[in-house]
Amino acid sequence: MNWPWGFLVRFDRLLRRAVRRAARVASVVSIVGLKALIDVVLNRDRPKISFERLSDYHNHIYLLFALTRVGIVGCYPRHAPLAYKNMPIRDFLRSIRINWHAPTDGILLSESAHGPDILHIDPKYYSLRPSQHRFFAPYFAHPEFYWTGLYNAVLSMRRRERNVKIFFAGGNSARYSEYFRFPILSRDKILRHLIEQFEWAIKADADKNGVKSILFVSTSDSDPLDNHKLSIQDYIDIMSRSEFFICPPGCVHPHSHNLIEAMSVGTIPITNYHSYMRPPLTPEVNCLAFSTLQELEIAVNRALHMHVGEIQHLREKVISYYDEHLKPENFGKKLMERPASISEVVVIDERYIWDCVKADLKWTPSVGFT
């Protein structure tokens, strides 16, 4: 008998797809049902701010996490599994409310709408100028940094004894030049030069013993996080035992999670995108900065030979900047208590940058994407 293998293969694919879809639906129903029951019994207060649409993009996750540090946040039933996935369970149960209908009070966070009681999410961080009606959101650590509780654990890591002078961990491949359109040195060029000029000082092992000049743990890929040689817990542990961290740009835009993660434990960033931070980082105050490869060498040599007292002074300023501008609860409080004139929150949205790259648009600081 000749079996209709083509038909069976197609049927198998359709069946597997249906099973996955049914599992997702069941997950949504169970999460939403349980949350609704808990809210009826325990949670009667209404959200002060709600998401019109909650997505898996990192800027949404950071906004959600920061806002739930200081208040109750609403979302629609279909988005509740995303909130559940990206938050500690206790915070999800305590601080999320399900909006069964369009909220009639509080503020609505929306990517599409404008108007009274609407806070519009605008992705054009790199091209919009400061204005009375704009609130610029900071960049953020990797989402796993928040839902695993590391955002809180780092506070006790800041006073550790440090046995690594300069640390780098992360992706290092040619793709960082392929898609990068900003007028600063790309990551692969920075790291390649660093390896060439400081090979004598670089170590590749991540053990806790002994003093190291430069610890360099890199991979050829950026995301997903699973491709990295270190778990995020080990990565933060070594970060907290390092004096400085090399913070080159990301793949398609200047900001990278590692700068935020470094500053959270008081590790001093060595970076070339300090001016893209809002407010900007200040060279020789809360970072070491460079623009050219020659300046990179100067900054690295300075870090290698800096006196302990000066390092401590820089560290205190790094911690102060993080706590005031990047710490989730402090940012969430600022957003919740923003002036009435604020109608727009400006975020770094990788989707928008990718769209610009695909259209072959280039970044010019004075005029934005042109």
Foldseek 3Di string as FASTA:
>chain_A
DDDPVVVVVVVVVVVVVVVVVVVLVVVLCVQLVVLVVLCVVPNDDDWQEEEADADLFPVSLLLVLLQLLPAAYEYASVCLVVVCVLAANVSSSPRYDHDPDPDPHHAYEDCPDFDPSYAHEAQQLQFDDDDLQEAEAFDAAPSCCHRVCVLPVLVVLQPDAAQELEEEWFAAAPLLVVQEFAPFDTDNVLVVLCCVPPVVQEDADLDPDHHGHYHYFYDNDGDDPVRTPDDVVSVLNNLSRYLAYEQAADRYGGDDNVLLSSLSNLRAYEYAVQVSGVPGDDDLQQHPYDGDSVSSVVSSVCSSPPDPVSSVRNSVRSNVCCVCRPSSNNSSVCVSPPDSSHRYYYYNGVVVSVVLSVVVWHQDNVRGTD
